[in-house]
C-alpha cells in the first residue's frame, strides 16, 4: 500500500527525527530517523518494482498482439491465395 507520496513523507519524517536526535544528542531518535529513511527507500524500491513489472507485462502483451496479428494476416493471405487459385482453375 505504498506510493511515492507516502515514501517521500516517511523519508522527510525520518530526516527530521534523525536531525532532531543529532541536535539533542538522543541516539534513539537518530536511529529511529535513519530507520524511517531506510523504510522510505524500501517503499520506493517496491514502487519501482511494480512499475517495472507493469512495463514488462505491457511489452509481453504488445508482442502477443503483434504475433496474433501476423498469424491472422498469414491465414488471410493463404486463404485468399487458395481462393484465387480455385477461381483460376474453374475458369481454365
PDB file of N, CA and C in Angstrom:
ATOM      1  N   UNK A   1       0.814  -1.196   0.000  1.00  0.00           N
ATOM      2  CA  UNK A   1       0.000   0.000   0.000  1.00  0.00           C
ATOM      3  C   UNK A   1       0.856   1.258   0.000  1.00  0.00           C
ATOM      4  N   UNK A   2       2.039   1.127  -0.497  1.00  0.00           N
ATOM      5  CA  UNK A   2       2.897   2.312  -0.524  1.00  0.00           C
ATOM      6  C   UNK A   2       2.727   3.035  -1.841  1.00  0.00           C
ATOM      7  N   UNK A   3       3.007   4.305  -1.807  1.00  0.00           N
ATOM      8  CA  UNK A   3       3.032   5.085  -3.036  1.00  0.00           C
ATOM      9  C   UNK A   3       4.136   6.119  -2.880  1.00  0.00           C
ATOM     10  N   UNK A   4       4.505   6.779  -3.974  1.00  0.00           N
ATOM     11  CA  UNK A   4       5.622   7.734  -3.889  1.00  0.00           C
ATOM     12  C   UNK A   4       5.425   8.841  -2.853  1.00  0.00           C
ATOM     13  N   UNK A   5       4.200   9.307  -2.666  1.00  0.00           N
ATOM     14  CA  UNK A   5       3.953  10.377  -1.689  1.00  0.00           C
ATOM     15  C   UNK A   5       4.171   9.872  -0.261  1.00  0.00           C
ATOM     16  N   UNK A   6       3.705   8.649   0.006  1.00  0.00           N
ATOM     17  CA  UNK A   6       3.916   8.066   1.341  1.00  0.00           C
ATOM     18  C   UNK A   6       5.397   7.864   1.614  1.00  0.00           C
ATOM     19  N   UNK A   7       6.112   7.395   0.594  1.00  0.00           N
ATOM     20  CA  UNK A   7       7.553   7.159   0.746  1.00  0.00           C
ATOM     21  C   UNK A   7       8.277   8.473   1.015  1.00  0.00           C
ATOM     22  N   UNK A   8       7.900   9.520   0.294  1.00  0.00           N
ATOM     23  CA  UNK A   8       8.547  10.829   0.486  1.00  0.00           C
ATOM     24  C   UNK A   8       8.248  11.364   1.886  1.00  0.00           C
ATOM     25  N   UNK A   9       6.999  11.215   2.334  1.00  0.00           N
ATOM     26  CA  UNK A   9       6.630  11.677   3.674  1.00  0.00           C
ATOM     27  C   UNK A   9       7.434  10.927   4.735  1.00  0.00           C
ATOM     28  N   UNK A  10       7.595   9.604   4.554  1.00  0.00           N
ATOM     29  CA  UNK A  10       8.358   8.799   5.506  1.00  0.00           C
ATOM     30  C   UNK A  10       9.825   9.220   5.506  1.00  0.00           C
ATOM     31  N   UNK A  11      10.355   9.521   4.323  1.00  0.00           N
ATOM     32  CA  UNK A  11      11.754   9.965   4.214  1.00  0.00           C
ATOM     33  C   UNK A  11      11.966  11.290   4.948  1.00  0.00           C
ATOM     34  N   UNK A  12      11.064  12.229   4.728  1.00  0.00           N
ATOM     35  CA  UNK A  12      11.166  13.545   5.383  1.00  0.00           C
ATOM     36  C   UNK A  12      11.029  13.385   6.895  1.00  0.00           C
ATOM     37  N   UNK A  13      10.067  12.572   7.309  1.00  0.00           N
ATOM     38  CA  UNK A  13       9.869  12.321   8.739  1.00  0.00           C
ATOM     39  C   UNK A  13      11.147  11.746   9.356  1.00  0.00           C
ATOM     40  N   UNK A  14      11.763  10.806   8.642  1.00  0.00           N
ATOM     41  CA  UNK A  14      12.994  10.201   9.136  1.00  0.00           C
ATOM     42  C   UNK A  14      14.140  11.187   9.223  1.00  0.00           C
ATOM     43  N   UNK A  15      14.263  12.039   8.216  1.00  0.00           N
ATOM     44  CA  UNK A  15      15.339  13.046   8.240  1.00  0.00           C
ATOM     45  C   UNK A  15      15.155  14.019   9.394  1.00  0.00           C
ATOM     46  N   UNK A  16      13.901  14.432   9.602  1.00  0.00           N
ATOM     47  CA  UNK A  16      13.624  15.362  10.700  1.00  0.00           C
ATOM     48  C   UNK A  16      13.907  14.724  12.056  1.00  0.00           C
ATOM     49  N   UNK A  17      13.469  13.476  12.224  1.00  0.00           N
ATOM     50  CA  UNK A  17      13.696  12.810  13.510  1.00  0.00           C
ATOM     51  C   UNK A  17      15.182  12.568  13.745  1.00  0.00           C
ATOM     52  N   UNK A  18      15.888  12.192  12.690  1.00  0.00           N
ATOM     53  CA  UNK A  18      17.326  11.962  12.812  1.00  0.00           C
ATOM     54  C   UNK A  18      18.057  13.266  13.156  1.00  0.00           C
ATOM     55  N   UNK A  19      17.671  14.352  12.484  1.00  0.00           N
ATOM     56  CA  UNK A  19      18.293  15.649  12.746  1.00  0.00           C
ATOM     57  C   UNK A  19      17.992  16.116  14.172  1.00  0.00           C
ATOM     58  N   UNK A  20      16.759  15.917  14.607  1.00  0.00           N
ATOM     59  CA  UNK A  20      16.401  16.292  15.979  1.00  0.00           C
ATOM     60  C   UNK A  20      17.216  15.485  16.977  1.00  0.00           C
ATOM     61  N   UNK A  21      17.409  14.212  16.685  1.00  0.00           N
ATOM     62  CA  UNK A  21      18.219  13.375  17.556  1.00  0.00           C
ATOM     63  C   UNK A  21      19.660  13.829  17.606  1.00  0.00           C
ATOM     64  N   UNK A  22      20.179  14.264  16.465  1.00  0.00           N
ATOM     65  CA  UNK A  22      21.557  14.772  16.439  1.00  0.00           C
ATOM     66  C   UNK A  22      21.686  16.067  17.238  1.00  0.00           C
ATOM     67  N   UNK A  23      20.697  16.947  17.115  1.00  0.00           N
ATOM     68  CA  UNK A  23      20.733  18.219  17.841  1.00  0.00           C
ATOM     69  C   UNK A  23      20.659  18.025  19.355  1.00  0.00           C
ATOM     70  N   UNK A  24      19.837  17.071  19.770  1.00  0.00           N
ATOM     71  CA  UNK A  24      19.651  16.854  21.205  1.00  0.00           C
ATOM     72  C   UNK A  24      20.592  15.798  21.766  1.00  0.00           C
ATOM     73  N   UNK A  25      21.299  15.123  20.894  1.00  0.00           N
ATOM     74  CA  UNK A  25      22.191  14.058  21.347  1.00  0.00           C
ATOM     75  C   UNK A  25      21.449  12.770  21.684  1.00  0.00           C
ATOM     76  N   UNK A  26      20.214  12.660  21.245  1.00  0.00           N
ATOM     77  CA  UNK A  26      19.386  11.477  21.516  1.00  0.00           C
ATOM     78  C   UNK A  26      19.638  10.418  20.436  1.00  0.00           C
ATOM     79  N   UNK A  27      20.441   9.430  20.794  1.00  0.00           N
ATOM     80  CA  UNK A  27      20.810   8.380  19.841  1.00  0.00           C
ATOM     81  C   UNK A  27      19.582   7.591  19.387  1.00  0.00           C
ATOM     82  N   UNK A  28      18.631   7.409  20.282  1.00  0.00           N
ATOM     83  CA  UNK A  28      17.407   6.673  19.940  1.00  0.00           C
ATOM     84  C   UNK A  28      16.667   7.322  18.788  1.00  0.00           C
ATOM     85  N   UNK A  29      16.528   8.638  18.852  1.00  0.00           N
ATOM     86  CA  UNK A  29      15.842   9.350  17.763  1.00  0.00           C
ATOM     87  C   UNK A  29      16.675   9.334  16.480  1.00  0.00           C
ATOM     88  N   UNK A  30      17.987   9.378  16.630  1.00  0.00           N
ATOM     89  CA  UNK A  30      18.842   9.290  15.449  1.00  0.00           C
ATOM     90  C   UNK A  30      18.619   7.954  14.732  1.00  0.00           C
ATOM     91  N   UNK A  31      18.593   6.878  15.511  1.00  0.00           N
ATOM     92  CA  UNK A  31      18.410   5.540  14.938  1.00  0.00           C
ATOM     93  C   UNK A  31      17.017   5.392  14.330  1.00  0.00           C
ATOM     94  N   UNK A  32      15.997   5.868  15.064  1.00  0.00           N
ATOM     95  CA  UNK A  32      14.633   5.786  14.533  1.00  0.00           C
ATOM     96  C   UNK A  32      14.499   6.576  13.244  1.00  0.00           C
ATOM     97  N   UNK A  33      15.128   7.736  13.196  1.00  0.00           N
ATOM     98  CA  UNK A  33      15.081   8.553  11.990  1.00  0.00           C
ATOM     99  C   UNK A  33      15.736   7.856  10.811  1.00  0.00           C
ATOM    100  N   UNK A  34      16.902   7.264  11.066  1.00  0.00           N
ATOM    101  CA  UNK A  34      17.594   6.529   9.994  1.00  0.00           C
ATOM    102  C   UNK A  34      16.763   5.331   9.547  1.00  0.00           C
ATOM    103  N   UNK A  35      16.120   4.659  10.501  1.00  0.00           N
ATOM    104  CA  UNK A  35      15.280   3.503  10.168  1.00  0.00           C
ATOM    105  C   UNK A  35      14.113   3.924   9.272  1.00  0.00           C
ATOM    106  N   UNK A  36      13.522   5.071   9.551  1.00  0.00           N
ATOM    107  CA  UNK A  36      12.420   5.570   8.710  1.00  0.00           C
ATOM    108  C   UNK A  36      12.911   5.902   7.309  1.00  0.00           C
ATOM    109  N   UNK A  37      14.144   6.395   7.204  1.00  0.00           N
ATOM    110  CA  UNK A  37      14.703   6.685   5.886  1.00  0.00           C
ATOM    111  C   UNK A  37      14.922   5.383   5.097  1.00  0.00           C
ATOM    112  N   UNK A  38      15.376   4.353   5.795  1.00  0.00           N
ATOM    113  CA  UNK A  38      15.554   3.047   5.146  1.00  0.00           C
ATOM    114  C   UNK A  38      14.192   2.503   4.704  1.00  0.00           C
ATOM    115  N   UNK A  39      13.186   2.658   5.551  1.00  0.00           N
ATOM    116  CA  UNK A  39      11.844   2.215   5.208  1.00  0.00           C
ATOM    117  C   UNK A  39      11.344   2.944   3.956  1.00  0.00           C
ATOM    118  N   UNK A  40      11.613   4.238   3.869  1.00  0.00           N
ATOM    119  CA  UNK A  40      11.208   5.015   2.694  1.00  0.00           C
ATOM    120  C   UNK A  40      11.913   4.491   1.437  1.00  0.00           C
ATOM    121  N   UNK A  41      13.174   4.148   1.572  1.00  0.00           N
ATOM    122  CA  UNK A  41      13.906   3.583   0.432  1.00  0.00           C
ATOM    123  C   UNK A  41      13.284   2.269  -0.015  1.00  0.00           C
ATOM    124  N   UNK A  42      12.888   1.447   0.947  1.00  0.00           N
ATOM    125  CA  UNK A  42      12.237   0.177   0.619  1.00  0.00           C
ATOM    126  C   UNK A  42      10.899   0.411  -0.082  1.00  0.00           C
ATOM    127  N   UNK A  43      10.155   1.403   0.394  1.00  0.00           N
ATOM    128  CA  UNK A  43       8.877   1.733  -0.239  1.00  0.00           C
ATOM    129  C   UNK A  43       9.092   2.176  -1.681  1.00  0.00           C
ATOM    130  N   UNK A  44      10.127   2.970  -1.914  1.00  0.00           N
ATOM    131  CA  UNK A  44      10.447   3.398  -3.283  1.00  0.00           C
ATOM    132  C   UNK A  44      10.848   2.215  -4.151  1.00  0.00           C
ATOM    133  N   UNK A  45      11.603   1.277  -3.570  1.00  0.00           N
ATOM    134  CA  UNK A  45      12.019   0.096  -4.322  1.00  0.00           C
ATOM    135  C   UNK A  45      10.810  -0.732  -4.740  1.00  0.00           C
ATOM    136  N   UNK A  46       9.835  -0.864  -3.847  1.00  0.00           N
ATOM    137  CA  UNK A  46       8.610  -1.610  -4.167  1.00  0.00           C
ATOM    138  C   UNK A  46       7.877  -0.925  -5.327  1.00  0.00           C
ATOM    139  N   UNK A  47       7.761   0.383  -5.269  1.00  0.00           N
ATOM    140  CA  UNK A  47       7.092   1.116  -6.347  1.00  0.00           C
ATOM    141  C   UNK A  47       7.824   0.936  -7.677  1.00  0.00           C
ATOM    142  N   UNK A  48       9.147   1.008  -7.632  1.00  0.00           N
ATOM    143  CA  UNK A  48       9.932   0.822  -8.858  1.00  0.00           C
ATOM    144  C   UNK A  48       9.740  -0.578  -9.418  1.00  0.00           C
ATOM    145  N   UNK A  49       9.675  -1.570  -8.549  1.00  0.00           N
ATOM    146  CA  UNK A  49       9.461  -2.949  -8.978  1.00  0.00           C
ATOM    147  C   UNK A  49       8.084  -3.101  -9.611  1.00  0.00           C
ATOM    148  N   UNK A  50       7.080  -2.482  -8.997  1.00  0.00           N
ATOM    149  CA  UNK A  50       5.722  -2.539  -9.557  1.00  0.00           C
ATOM    150  C   UNK A  50       5.705  -1.936 -10.960  1.00  0.00           C
ATOM    151  N   UNK A  51       6.322  -0.780 -11.120  1.00  0.00           N
ATOM    152  CA  UNK A  51       6.343  -0.122 -12.424  1.00  0.00           C
ATOM    153  C   UNK A  51       7.097  -0.953 -13.454  1.00  0.00           C
ATOM    154  N   UNK A  52       8.203  -1.555 -13.022  1.00  0.00           N
ATOM    155  CA  UNK A  52       8.969  -2.410 -13.928  1.00  0.00           C
ATOM    156  C   UNK A  52       8.161  -3.619 -14.365  1.00  0.00           C
ATOM    157  N   UNK A  53       7.424  -4.203 -13.430  1.00  0.00           N
ATOM    158  CA  UNK A  53       6.588  -5.355 -13.743  1.00  0.00           C
ATOM    159  C   UNK A  53       5.488  -4.971 -14.719  1.00  0.00           C
ATOM    160  N   UNK A  54       4.885  -3.811 -14.506  1.00  0.00           N
ATOM    161  CA  UNK A  54       3.845  -3.340 -15.427  1.00  0.00           C
ATOM    162  C   UNK A  54       4.418  -3.133 -16.824  1.00  0.00           C
ATOM    163  N   UNK A  55       5.613  -2.577 -16.906  1.00  0.00           N
ATOM    164  CA  UNK A  55       6.242  -2.338 -18.205  1.00  0.00           C
ATOM    165  C   UNK A  55       6.510  -3.643 -18.935  1.00  0.00           C
ATOM    166  N   UNK A  56       7.010  -4.644 -18.202  1.00  0.00           N
ATOM    167  CA  UNK A  56       7.278  -5.952 -18.810  1.00  0.00           C
ATOM    168  C   UNK A  56       5.974  -6.588 -19.277  1.00  0.00           C
ATOM    169  N   UNK A  57       4.947  -6.526 -18.445  1.00  0.00           N
ATOM    170  CA  UNK A  57       3.650  -7.104 -18.813  1.00  0.00           C
ATOM    171  C   UNK A  57       3.087  -6.431 -20.058  1.00  0.00           C
ATOM    172  N   UNK A  58       3.209  -5.114 -20.128  1.00  0.00           N
ATOM    173  CA  UNK A  58       2.732  -4.398 -21.317  1.00  0.00           C
ATOM    174  C   UNK A  58       3.518  -4.794 -22.557  1.00  0.00           C
ATOM    175  N   UNK A  59       4.821  -4.948 -22.417  1.00  0.00           N
ATOM    176  CA  UNK A  59       5.649  -5.343 -23.559  1.00  0.00           C
ATOM    177  C   UNK A  59       5.279  -6.739 -24.042  1.00  0.00           C
ATOM    178  N   UNK A  60       5.038  -7.658 -23.100  1.00  0.00           N
ATOM    179  CA  UNK A  60       4.632  -9.012 -23.475  1.00  0.00           C
ATOM    180  C   UNK A  60       3.271  -8.989 -24.161  1.00  0.00           C
ATOM    181  N   UNK A  61       2.357  -8.211 -23.628  1.00  0.00           N
ATOM    182  CA  UNK A  61       1.030  -8.085 -24.246  1.00  0.00           C
ATOM    183  C   UNK A  61       1.117  -7.533 -25.661  1.00  0.00           C
ATOM    184  N   UNK A  62       1.949  -6.516 -25.849  1.00  0.00           N
ATOM    185  CA  UNK A  62       2.108  -5.936 -27.185  1.00  0.00           C
ATOM    186  C   UNK A  62       2.722  -6.944 -28.150  1.00  0.00           C
ATOM    187  N   UNK A  63       3.708  -7.700 -27.678  1.00  0.00           N
ATOM    188  CA  UNK A  63       4.338  -8.709 -28.523  1.00  0.00           C
ATOM    189  C   UNK A  63       3.321  -9.784 -28.914  1.00  0.00           C
ATOM    190  N   UNK A  64       2.506 -10.208 -27.951  1.00  0.00           N
ATOM    191  CA  UNK A  64       1.479 -11.218 -28.239  1.00  0.00           C
ATOM    192  C   UNK A  64       0.472 -10.690 -29.260  1.00  0.00           C
ATOM    193  N   UNK A  65       0.077  -9.433 -29.133  1.00  0.00           N
ATOM    194  CA  UNK A  65      -0.836  -8.826 -30.100  1.00  0.00           C
ATOM    195  C   UNK A  65      -0.221  -8.806 -31.492  1.00  0.00           C
ATOM    196  N   UNK A  66       1.061  -8.438 -31.564  1.00  0.00           N
ATOM    197  CA  UNK A  66       1.739  -8.396 -32.863  1.00  0.00           C
ATOM    198  C   UNK A  66       1.823  -9.779 -33.493  1.00  0.00           C
ATOM    199  N   UNK A  67       2.111 -10.794 -32.682  1.00  0.00           N
ATOM    200  CA  UNK A  67       2.185 -12.165 -33.203  1.00  0.00           C
ATOM    201  C   UNK A  67       0.812 -12.619 -33.685  1.00  0.00           C
ATOM    202  N   UNK A  68      -0.220 -12.335 -32.905  1.00  0.00           N
ATOM    203  CA  UNK A  68      -1.576 -12.717 -33.295  1.00  0.00           C
ATOM    204  C   UNK A  68      -1.979 -12.030 -34.599  1.00  0.00           C
ATOM    205  N   UNK A  69      -1.647 -10.761 -34.735  1.00  0.00           N
ATOM    206  CA  UNK A  69      -1.957 -10.039 -35.969  1.00  0.00           C
ATOM    207  C   UNK A  69      -1.212 -10.645 -37.147  1.00  0.00           C
ATOM    208  N   UNK A  70       0.040 -10.999 -36.946  1.00  0.00           N
ATOM    209  CA  UNK A  70       0.844 -11.584 -38.006  1.00  0.00           C
ATOM    210  C   UNK A  70       0.276 -12.935 -38.440  1.00  0.00           C
ATOM    211  N   UNK A  71      -0.117 -13.748 -37.467  1.00  0.00           N
ATOM    212  CA  UNK A  71      -0.712 -15.046 -37.800  1.00  0.00           C
ATOM    213  C   UNK A  71      -2.020 -14.853 -38.547  1.00  0.00           C
ATOM    214  N   UNK A  72      -2.856 -13.943 -38.080  1.00  0.00           N
ATOM    215  CA  UNK A  72      -4.136 -13.679 -38.745  1.00  0.00           C
ATOM    216  C   UNK A  72      -3.908 -13.198 -40.174  1.00  0.00           C
ATOM    217  N   UNK A  73      -2.918 -12.332 -40.375  1.00  0.00           N
ATOM    218  CA  UNK A  73      -2.612 -11.845 -41.720  1.00  0.00           C
ATOM    219  C   UNK A  73      -2.141 -12.983 -42.614  1.00  0.00           C
ATOM    220  N   UNK A  74      -1.304 -13.885 -42.082  1.00  0.00           N
ATOM    221  CA  UNK A  74      -0.809 -15.022 -42.861  1.00  0.00           C
ATOM    222  C   UNK A  74      -1.946 -15.944 -43.262  1.00  0.00           C
ATOM    223  N   UNK A  75      -2.861 -16.202 -42.306  1.00  0.00           N
ATOM    224  CA  UNK A  75      -4.010 -17.064 -42.613  1.00  0.00           C
ATOM    225  C   UNK A  75      -4.879 -16.411 -43.683  1.00  0.00           C
ATOM    226  N   UNK A  76      -5.112 -15.118 -43.551  1.00  0.00           N
ATOM    227  CA  UNK A  76      -5.933 -14.407 -44.532  1.00  0.00           C
ATOM    228  C   UNK A  76      -5.276 -14.435 -45.908  1.00  0.00           C
ATOM    229  N   UNK A  77      -3.963 -14.230 -45.959  1.00  0.00           N
ATOM    230  CA  UNK A  77      -3.253 -14.258 -47.242  1.00  0.00           C
ATOM    231  C   UNK A  77      -3.308 -15.642 -47.869  1.00  0.00           C
ATOM    232  N   UNK A  78      -3.114 -16.682 -47.063  1.00  0.00           N
ATOM    233  CA  UNK A  78      -3.143 -18.058 -47.575  1.00  0.00           C
ATOM    234  C   UNK A  78      -4.531 -18.400 -48.090  1.00  0.00           C
ATOM    235  N   UNK A  79      -5.556 -18.006 -47.349  1.00  0.00           N
ATOM    236  CA  UNK A  79      -6.932 -18.262 -47.766  1.00  0.00           C
ATOM    237  C   UNK A  79      -7.246 -17.529 -49.062  1.00  0.00           C
ATOM    238  N   UNK A  80      -6.808 -16.310 -49.185  1.00  0.00           N
ATOM    239  CA  UNK A  80      -7.043 -15.530 -50.408  1.00  0.00           C
ATOM    240  C   UNK A  80      -6.311 -16.158 -51.590  1.00  0.00           C
ATOM    241  N   UNK A  81      -5.076 -16.613 -51.350  1.00  0.00           N
ATOM    242  CA  UNK A  81      -4.309 -17.256 -52.431  1.00  0.00           C
ATOM    243  C   UNK A  81      -4.998 -18.531 -52.897  1.00  0.00           C
ATOM    244  N   UNK A  82      -5.510 -19.343 -51.973  1.00  0.00           N
ATOM    245  CA  UNK A  82      -6.201 -20.580 -52.333  1.00  0.00           C
ATOM    246  C   UNK A  82      -7.480 -20.276 -53.102  1.00  0.00           C
ATOM    247  N   UNK A  83      -8.199 -19.271 -52.663  1.00  0.00           N
ATOM    248  CA  UNK A  83      -9.436 -18.897 -53.348  1.00  0.00           C
ATOM    249  C   UNK A  83      -9.136 -18.427 -54.758  1.00  0.00           C
ATOM    250  N   UNK A  84      -8.097 -17.626 -54.904  1.00  0.00           N
ATOM    251  CA  UNK A  84      -7.735 -17.155 -56.244  1.00  0.00           C
ATOM    252  C   UNK A  84      -7.297 -18.320 -57.126  1.00  0.00           C
ATOM    253  N   UNK A  85      -6.590 -19.255 -56.583  1.00  0.00           N
ATOM    254  CA  UNK A  85      -6.135 -20.434 -57.333  1.00  0.00           C
ATOM    255  C   UNK A  85      -7.324 -21.271 -57.768  1.00  0.00           C
ATOM    256  N   UNK A  86      -8.311 -21.441 -56.861  1.00  0.00           N
ATOM    257  CA  UNK A  86      -9.509 -22.213 -57.215  1.00  0.00           C
ATOM    258  C   UNK A  86     -10.305 -21.514 -58.305  1.00  0.00           C
ATOM    259  N   UNK A  87     -10.411 -20.211 -58.265  1.00  0.00           N
ATOM    260  CA  UNK A  87     -11.119 -19.437 -59.288  1.00  0.00           C
ATOM    261  C   UNK A  87     -10.412 -19.594 -60.619  1.00  0.00           C
ATOM    262  N   UNK A  88      -9.082 -19.536 -60.592  1.00  0.00           N
ATOM    263  CA  UNK A  88      -8.320 -19.675 -61.834  1.00  0.00           C
ATOM    264  C   UNK A  88      -8.503 -21.062 -62.414  1.00  0.00           C
ATOM    265  N   UNK A  89      -8.544 -22.096 -61.573  1.00  0.00           N
ATOM    266  CA  UNK A  89      -8.768 -23.468 -62.056  1.00  0.00           C
ATOM    267  C   UNK A  89     -10.152 -23.616 -62.668  1.00  0.00           C
ATOM    268  N   UNK A  90     -11.144 -22.990 -62.028  1.00  0.00           N
ATOM    269  CA  UNK A  90     -12.513 -23.102 -62.518  1.00  0.00           C
ATOM    270  C   UNK A  90     -12.686 -22.441 -63.889  1.00  0.00           C
ATOM    271  N   UNK A  91     -11.891 -21.422 -64.167  1.00  0.00           N
ATOM    272  CA  UNK A  91     -12.011 -20.691 -65.428  1.00  0.00           C
ATOM    273  C   UNK A  91     -11.066 -21.237 -66.503  1.00  0.00           C
ATOM    274  N   UNK A  92     -10.347 -22.276 -66.191  1.00  0.00           N
ATOM    275  CA  UNK A  92      -9.414 -22.853 -67.163  1.00  0.00           C
ATOM    276  C   UNK A  92     -10.073 -23.846 -68.048  1.00  0.00           C
TER     277      UNK A  92
END
